[in-house]
Amino acid sequence: MSDNTSMESGWANSRSSGRSSSAPPHSCSMPSSIEVAAPPIYQDPSLGCEGLQTLQTHLDWHTGFTTSASLLSAILEHRQAFITSPHDHKTCSKALTQLAFTLEQRKSEGDADTAVALRYESWLVSGWS
């Protein structure tokens, strides 16, 4: 007999033996949704746009998302978003300065250079806001 046949016959036998479960006895049922502890994203407009709030959250929670390369990439992406709609980024200068300060406190390799880039970006944004 094949494995399928033996499983089917085992399931049929267990169903007829009075078990109330509708699942086959050898099935693996998945649990319902599992809560994952994710850092809360700040929802304060005074902390900059949504992108900068997300960056600040990852920095505060030390998620590893914020390497120097990813932060420099985020600065360029933020600049593109700022150019398309400057009115949505009125508080971003303050947020960029706060991000730079957070990086300076972290004192990891490459963070000082990234903090300088964030402060420069803050200066650029403040001139246009």
N, C-alpha and C. Protein backbone atom coordinates (compact mmCIF):
# COMPACT_ATOMS: atom_id res chain seq x y z
N MET A 1 0.82 -1.19 0.00
CA MET A 1 0.00 0.00 0.00
C MET A 1 0.86 1.25 0.00
N SER A 2 0.41 2.30 -0.67
CA SER A 2 1.17 3.55 -0.69
C SER A 2 0.94 4.31 0.61
N ASP A 3 1.78 5.31 0.83
CA ASP A 3 1.64 6.12 2.04
C ASP A 3 0.32 6.87 2.05
N ASN A 4 -0.11 7.33 0.88
CA ASN A 4 -1.39 8.04 0.80
C ASN A 4 -2.53 7.15 1.24
N THR A 5 -2.51 5.93 0.78
CA THR A 5 -3.60 5.02 1.11
C THR A 5 -3.63 4.74 2.60
N SER A 6 -2.46 4.53 3.20
CA SER A 6 -2.43 4.23 4.62
C SER A 6 -2.88 5.44 5.43
N MET A 7 -2.52 6.66 4.99
CA MET A 7 -2.98 7.84 5.71
C MET A 7 -4.48 8.00 5.58
N GLU A 8 -4.98 7.77 4.36
CA GLU A 8 -6.42 7.90 4.17
C GLU A 8 -7.16 6.87 5.00
N SER A 9 -6.66 5.63 5.00
CA SER A 9 -7.36 4.60 5.76
C SER A 9 -7.24 4.89 7.25
N GLY A 10 -6.10 5.44 7.69
CA GLY A 10 -5.95 5.78 9.10
C GLY A 10 -6.90 6.90 9.49
N TRP A 11 -7.08 7.84 8.58
CA TRP A 11 -7.99 8.93 8.88
C TRP A 11 -9.42 8.43 8.92
N ALA A 12 -9.76 7.60 7.98
CA ALA A 12 -11.11 7.05 7.95
C ALA A 12 -11.36 6.21 9.19
N ASN A 13 -10.39 5.42 9.61
CA ASN A 13 -10.57 4.59 10.80
C ASN A 13 -10.72 5.44 12.04
N SER A 14 -9.94 6.52 12.16
CA SER A 14 -10.05 7.34 13.35
C SER A 14 -11.34 8.13 13.35
N ARG A 15 -11.87 8.48 12.20
CA ARG A 15 -13.14 9.21 12.14
C ARG A 15 -14.27 8.29 12.57
N SER A 16 -14.15 7.04 12.20
CA SER A 16 -15.23 6.12 12.56
C SER A 16 -15.11 5.68 14.01
N SER A 17 -13.97 5.92 14.65
CA SER A 17 -13.80 5.50 16.03
C SER A 17 -14.38 6.50 17.01
N GLY A 18 -15.05 7.52 16.53
CA GLY A 18 -15.75 8.43 17.41
C GLY A 18 -14.98 9.70 17.77
N ARG A 19 -13.84 9.94 17.15
CA ARG A 19 -13.11 11.18 17.43
C ARG A 19 -13.87 12.35 16.81
N SER A 20 -13.92 13.46 17.51
CA SER A 20 -14.69 14.59 17.02
C SER A 20 -13.87 15.55 16.16
N SER A 21 -12.58 15.37 16.06
CA SER A 21 -11.74 16.27 15.27
C SER A 21 -11.99 16.05 13.78
N SER A 22 -12.08 17.15 13.04
CA SER A 22 -12.28 17.03 11.60
C SER A 22 -10.96 16.96 10.86
N ALA A 23 -9.84 17.21 11.54
CA ALA A 23 -8.53 17.16 10.90
C ALA A 23 -7.99 15.75 10.91
N PRO A 24 -7.27 15.37 9.86
CA PRO A 24 -6.64 14.05 9.87
C PRO A 24 -5.67 13.95 11.05
N PRO A 25 -5.46 12.76 11.61
CA PRO A 25 -4.63 12.64 12.81
C PRO A 25 -3.16 13.01 12.58
N HIS A 26 -2.68 12.92 11.35
CA HIS A 26 -1.28 13.21 11.08
C HIS A 26 -1.07 14.60 10.48
N SER A 27 -2.07 15.45 10.58
CA SER A 27 -1.94 16.78 9.99
C SER A 27 -1.25 17.71 10.98
N CYS A 28 -0.68 18.74 10.44
CA CYS A 28 -0.02 19.76 11.25
C CYS A 28 -0.83 21.03 11.12
N SER A 29 -1.54 21.39 12.15
CA SER A 29 -2.35 22.59 12.07
C SER A 29 -1.50 23.79 12.47
N MET A 30 -1.67 24.88 11.75
CA MET A 30 -0.92 26.10 12.02
C MET A 30 -1.67 26.92 13.06
N PRO A 31 -0.95 27.53 13.99
CA PRO A 31 -1.63 28.37 14.97
C PRO A 31 -2.16 29.62 14.30
N SER A 32 -3.14 30.23 14.94
CA SER A 32 -3.64 31.50 14.41
C SER A 32 -2.51 32.52 14.50
N SER A 33 -2.76 33.73 14.13
CA SER A 33 -1.69 34.73 14.01
C SER A 33 -0.85 34.81 15.27
N ILE A 34 0.44 34.97 15.05
CA ILE A 34 1.40 35.08 16.15
C ILE A 34 1.78 36.54 16.27
N GLU A 35 1.69 37.05 17.48
CA GLU A 35 2.06 38.44 17.72
C GLU A 35 3.57 38.60 17.59
N VAL A 36 4.00 39.56 16.80
CA VAL A 36 5.42 39.85 16.65
C VAL A 36 5.66 41.21 17.27
N ALA A 37 6.63 41.28 18.14
CA ALA A 37 6.93 42.54 18.81
C ALA A 37 7.72 43.42 17.85
N ALA A 38 7.03 44.35 17.24
CA ALA A 38 7.67 45.29 16.32
C ALA A 38 7.72 46.65 17.00
N PRO A 39 8.72 47.43 16.68
CA PRO A 39 8.78 48.75 17.29
C PRO A 39 7.63 49.62 16.79
N PRO A 40 7.03 50.38 17.69
CA PRO A 40 5.95 51.26 17.24
C PRO A 40 6.52 52.41 16.42
N ILE A 41 5.84 52.75 15.36
CA ILE A 41 6.26 53.88 14.54
C ILE A 41 5.67 55.15 15.17
N TYR A 42 6.51 56.14 15.37
CA TYR A 42 6.03 57.38 15.96
C TYR A 42 5.02 58.03 15.03
N GLN A 43 3.99 58.61 15.61
CA GLN A 43 2.95 59.27 14.82
C GLN A 43 2.83 60.73 15.25
N ASP A 44 3.94 61.39 15.38
CA ASP A 44 3.97 62.78 15.81
C ASP A 44 4.47 63.65 14.66
N PRO A 45 3.60 64.51 14.12
CA PRO A 45 4.00 65.34 12.97
C PRO A 45 5.19 66.26 13.27
N SER A 46 5.43 66.57 14.54
CA SER A 46 6.57 67.43 14.86
C SER A 46 7.90 66.70 14.75
N LEU A 47 7.86 65.38 14.54
CA LEU A 47 9.08 64.58 14.41
C LEU A 47 9.46 64.33 12.96
N GLY A 48 8.93 65.10 12.05
CA GLY A 48 9.26 64.94 10.64
C GLY A 48 8.25 64.10 9.90
N CYS A 49 8.57 63.81 8.66
CA CYS A 49 7.68 63.02 7.82
C CYS A 49 7.68 61.56 8.28
N GLU A 50 6.81 60.78 7.68
CA GLU A 50 6.67 59.37 8.07
C GLU A 50 7.97 58.59 7.88
N GLY A 51 8.70 58.88 6.82
CA GLY A 51 9.96 58.18 6.56
C GLY A 51 10.99 58.44 7.65
N LEU A 52 11.11 59.69 8.08
CA LEU A 52 12.07 60.02 9.13
C LEU A 52 11.63 59.47 10.48
N GLN A 53 10.32 59.44 10.72
CA GLN A 53 9.82 58.84 11.96
C GLN A 53 10.14 57.35 12.01
N THR A 54 10.04 56.69 10.87
CA THR A 54 10.38 55.27 10.81
C THR A 54 11.87 55.06 11.08
N LEU A 55 12.72 55.91 10.50
CA LEU A 55 14.16 55.82 10.76
C LEU A 55 14.46 56.03 12.24
N GLN A 56 13.83 57.04 12.83
CA GLN A 56 14.06 57.32 14.25
C GLN A 56 13.63 56.13 15.11
N THR A 57 12.53 55.49 14.74
CA THR A 57 12.07 54.32 15.48
C THR A 57 13.10 53.21 15.43
N HIS A 58 13.63 52.94 14.25
CA HIS A 58 14.62 51.87 14.12
C HIS A 58 15.91 52.21 14.86
N LEU A 59 16.29 53.46 14.87
CA LEU A 59 17.48 53.86 15.63
C LEU A 59 17.25 53.67 17.12
N ASP A 60 16.07 54.09 17.60
CA ASP A 60 15.77 53.99 19.02
C ASP A 60 15.68 52.55 19.49
N TRP A 61 15.18 51.66 18.62
CA TRP A 61 14.98 50.26 19.00
C TRP A 61 16.17 49.39 18.61
N HIS A 62 17.21 49.95 18.02
CA HIS A 62 18.42 49.21 17.65
C HIS A 62 18.08 47.95 16.85
N THR A 63 17.30 48.12 15.79
CA THR A 63 16.86 46.96 15.01
C THR A 63 17.90 46.46 14.03
N GLY A 64 18.98 47.15 13.84
CA GLY A 64 19.98 46.71 12.88
C GLY A 64 19.69 47.17 11.47
N PHE A 65 18.52 47.76 11.27
CA PHE A 65 18.13 48.27 9.96
C PHE A 65 18.96 49.49 9.59
N THR A 66 19.52 50.14 10.56
CA THR A 66 20.12 51.44 10.34
C THR A 66 21.64 51.39 10.26
N THR A 67 22.15 50.74 9.25
CA THR A 67 23.58 50.81 8.98
C THR A 67 23.87 52.16 8.33
N SER A 68 25.12 52.53 8.31
CA SER A 68 25.49 53.82 7.70
C SER A 68 25.06 53.89 6.24
N ALA A 69 25.24 52.79 5.52
CA ALA A 69 24.85 52.77 4.10
C ALA A 69 23.35 52.92 3.93
N SER A 70 22.56 52.26 4.78
CA SER A 70 21.11 52.38 4.64
C SER A 70 20.63 53.77 5.03
N LEU A 71 21.30 54.39 6.00
CA LEU A 71 20.92 55.75 6.38
C LEU A 71 21.27 56.75 5.28
N LEU A 72 22.42 56.58 4.66
CA LEU A 72 22.78 57.48 3.55
C LEU A 72 21.82 57.31 2.38
N SER A 73 21.40 56.08 2.14
CA SER A 73 20.39 55.83 1.10
C SER A 73 19.07 56.48 1.47
N ALA A 74 18.71 56.41 2.75
CA ALA A 74 17.46 57.02 3.21
C ALA A 74 17.51 58.54 3.07
N ILE A 75 18.68 59.14 3.28
CA ILE A 75 18.82 60.58 3.10
C ILE A 75 18.52 60.96 1.66
N LEU A 76 19.06 60.20 0.71
CA LEU A 76 18.81 60.50 -0.70
C LEU A 76 17.34 60.29 -1.07
N GLU A 77 16.73 59.24 -0.53
CA GLU A 77 15.31 59.00 -0.79
C GLU A 77 14.47 60.12 -0.19
N HIS A 78 14.84 60.58 1.00
CA HIS A 78 14.11 61.68 1.62
C HIS A 78 14.25 62.95 0.79
N ARG A 79 15.43 63.17 0.26
CA ARG A 79 15.64 64.36 -0.57
C ARG A 79 14.73 64.34 -1.79
N GLN A 80 14.59 63.17 -2.42
CA GLN A 80 13.69 63.04 -3.57
C GLN A 80 12.25 63.33 -3.16
N ALA A 81 11.83 62.80 -2.01
CA ALA A 81 10.47 63.05 -1.53
C ALA A 81 10.28 64.52 -1.19
N PHE A 82 11.30 65.13 -0.63
CA PHE A 82 11.24 66.55 -0.28
C PHE A 82 11.11 67.42 -1.52
N ILE A 83 11.85 67.08 -2.56
CA ILE A 83 11.80 67.87 -3.80
C ILE A 83 10.41 67.79 -4.43
N THR A 84 9.77 66.63 -4.35
CA THR A 84 8.44 66.50 -4.97
C THR A 84 7.36 67.23 -4.19
N SER A 85 7.48 67.29 -2.87
CA SER A 85 6.45 68.00 -2.10
C SER A 85 7.05 68.59 -0.82
N PRO A 86 7.67 69.76 -0.94
CA PRO A 86 8.32 70.38 0.23
C PRO A 86 7.36 70.71 1.37
N HIS A 87 6.10 70.98 1.05
CA HIS A 87 5.15 71.35 2.10
C HIS A 87 4.86 70.19 3.06
N ASP A 88 5.14 68.96 2.67
CA ASP A 88 4.93 67.80 3.55
C ASP A 88 6.11 67.57 4.49
N HIS A 89 7.14 68.39 4.38
CA HIS A 89 8.37 68.15 5.14
C HIS A 89 8.77 69.37 5.97
N LYS A 90 7.79 70.07 6.51
CA LYS A 90 8.07 71.30 7.25
C LYS A 90 8.86 71.06 8.54
N THR A 91 8.67 69.93 9.18
CA THR A 91 9.36 69.65 10.44
C THR A 91 10.54 68.68 10.27
N CYS A 92 10.91 68.40 9.05
CA CYS A 92 11.97 67.42 8.80
C CYS A 92 13.35 67.92 9.19
N SER A 93 13.57 69.23 9.17
CA SER A 93 14.87 69.76 9.57
C SER A 93 15.16 69.39 11.02
N LYS A 94 14.18 69.59 11.87
CA LYS A 94 14.31 69.23 13.28
C LYS A 94 14.52 67.73 13.44
N ALA A 95 13.77 66.94 12.68
CA ALA A 95 13.88 65.48 12.77
C ALA A 95 15.25 64.99 12.31
N LEU A 96 15.79 65.59 11.25
CA LEU A 96 17.11 65.20 10.77
C LEU A 96 18.19 65.54 11.80
N THR A 97 18.05 66.67 12.47
CA THR A 97 18.99 67.04 13.52
C THR A 97 18.91 66.05 14.68
N GLN A 98 17.70 65.63 15.02
CA GLN A 98 17.52 64.65 16.10
C GLN A 98 18.14 63.30 15.72
N LEU A 99 17.97 62.89 14.46
CA LEU A 99 18.59 61.65 13.99
C LEU A 99 20.11 61.74 14.08
N ALA A 100 20.67 62.88 13.70
CA ALA A 100 22.12 63.07 13.78
C ALA A 100 22.59 62.97 15.22
N PHE A 101 21.85 63.59 16.13
CA PHE A 101 22.21 63.54 17.55
C PHE A 101 22.18 62.10 18.06
N THR A 102 21.15 61.35 17.67
CA THR A 102 21.04 59.95 18.09
C THR A 102 22.24 59.14 17.59
N LEU A 103 22.64 59.38 16.35
CA LEU A 103 23.80 58.67 15.79
C LEU A 103 25.09 59.04 16.53
N GLU A 104 25.23 60.30 16.88
CA GLU A 104 26.43 60.72 17.60
C GLU A 104 26.52 60.04 18.96
N GLN A 105 25.38 59.78 19.58
CA GLN A 105 25.37 59.10 20.86
C GLN A 105 25.71 57.62 20.72
N ARG A 106 25.42 57.04 19.57
CA ARG A 106 25.63 55.61 19.34
C ARG A 106 27.11 55.27 19.19
N LYS A 107 27.88 56.14 18.61
CA LYS A 107 29.33 56.02 18.48
C LYS A 107 29.78 54.71 17.83
N SER A 108 29.11 54.30 16.79
CA SER A 108 29.55 53.14 16.02
C SER A 108 30.39 53.61 14.85
N GLU A 109 31.05 52.67 14.20
CA GLU A 109 31.90 53.01 13.06
C GLU A 109 31.05 53.57 11.92
N GLY A 110 31.43 54.70 11.42
CA GLY A 110 30.73 55.32 10.30
C GLY A 110 29.58 56.21 10.72
N ASP A 111 29.20 56.18 11.99
CA ASP A 111 28.07 57.00 12.43
C ASP A 111 28.39 58.48 12.43
N ALA A 112 29.62 58.86 12.71
CA ALA A 112 29.99 60.28 12.73
C ALA A 112 29.83 60.89 11.34
N ASP A 113 30.28 60.17 10.32
CA ASP A 113 30.14 60.67 8.95
C ASP A 113 28.67 60.77 8.55
N THR A 114 27.89 59.79 8.96
CA THR A 114 26.46 59.80 8.64
C THR A 114 25.77 60.94 9.39
N ALA A 115 26.18 61.21 10.62
CA ALA A 115 25.61 62.32 11.39
C ALA A 115 25.90 63.64 10.70
N VAL A 116 27.10 63.80 10.16
CA VAL A 116 27.44 65.02 9.42
C VAL A 116 26.54 65.15 8.20
N ALA A 117 26.31 64.05 7.49
CA ALA A 117 25.44 64.08 6.31
C ALA A 117 24.00 64.44 6.72
N LEU A 118 23.54 63.92 7.85
CA LEU A 118 22.19 64.25 8.33
C LEU A 118 22.09 65.73 8.70
N ARG A 119 23.11 66.26 9.35
CA ARG A 119 23.09 67.69 9.71
C ARG A 119 23.12 68.58 8.46
N TYR A 120 23.88 68.18 7.47
CA TYR A 120 23.92 68.93 6.20
C TYR A 120 22.55 68.88 5.53
N GLU A 121 21.94 67.71 5.53
CA GLU A 121 20.60 67.58 4.94
C GLU A 121 19.59 68.43 5.71
N SER A 122 19.72 68.47 7.02
CA SER A 122 18.85 69.31 7.85
C SER A 122 19.00 70.77 7.46
N TRP A 123 20.22 71.20 7.23
CA TRP A 123 20.47 72.57 6.82
C TRP A 123 19.83 72.86 5.47
N LEU A 124 19.96 71.91 4.51
CA LEU A 124 19.34 72.10 3.20
C LEU A 124 17.82 72.19 3.30
N VAL A 125 17.23 71.30 4.07
CA VAL A 125 15.77 71.27 4.21
C VAL A 125 15.28 72.54 4.89
N SER A 126 16.02 73.03 5.88
CA SER A 126 15.57 74.22 6.60
C SER A 126 15.54 75.45 5.71
N GLY A 127 16.38 75.49 4.70
CA GLY A 127 16.39 76.62 3.78
C GLY A 127 15.21 76.65 2.84
N TRP A 128 14.55 75.53 2.65
CA TRP A 128 13.43 75.45 1.71
C TRP A 128 12.08 75.36 2.39
N SER A 129 12.07 75.05 3.66
CA SER A 129 10.79 74.86 4.37
C SER A 129 10.15 76.17 4.73
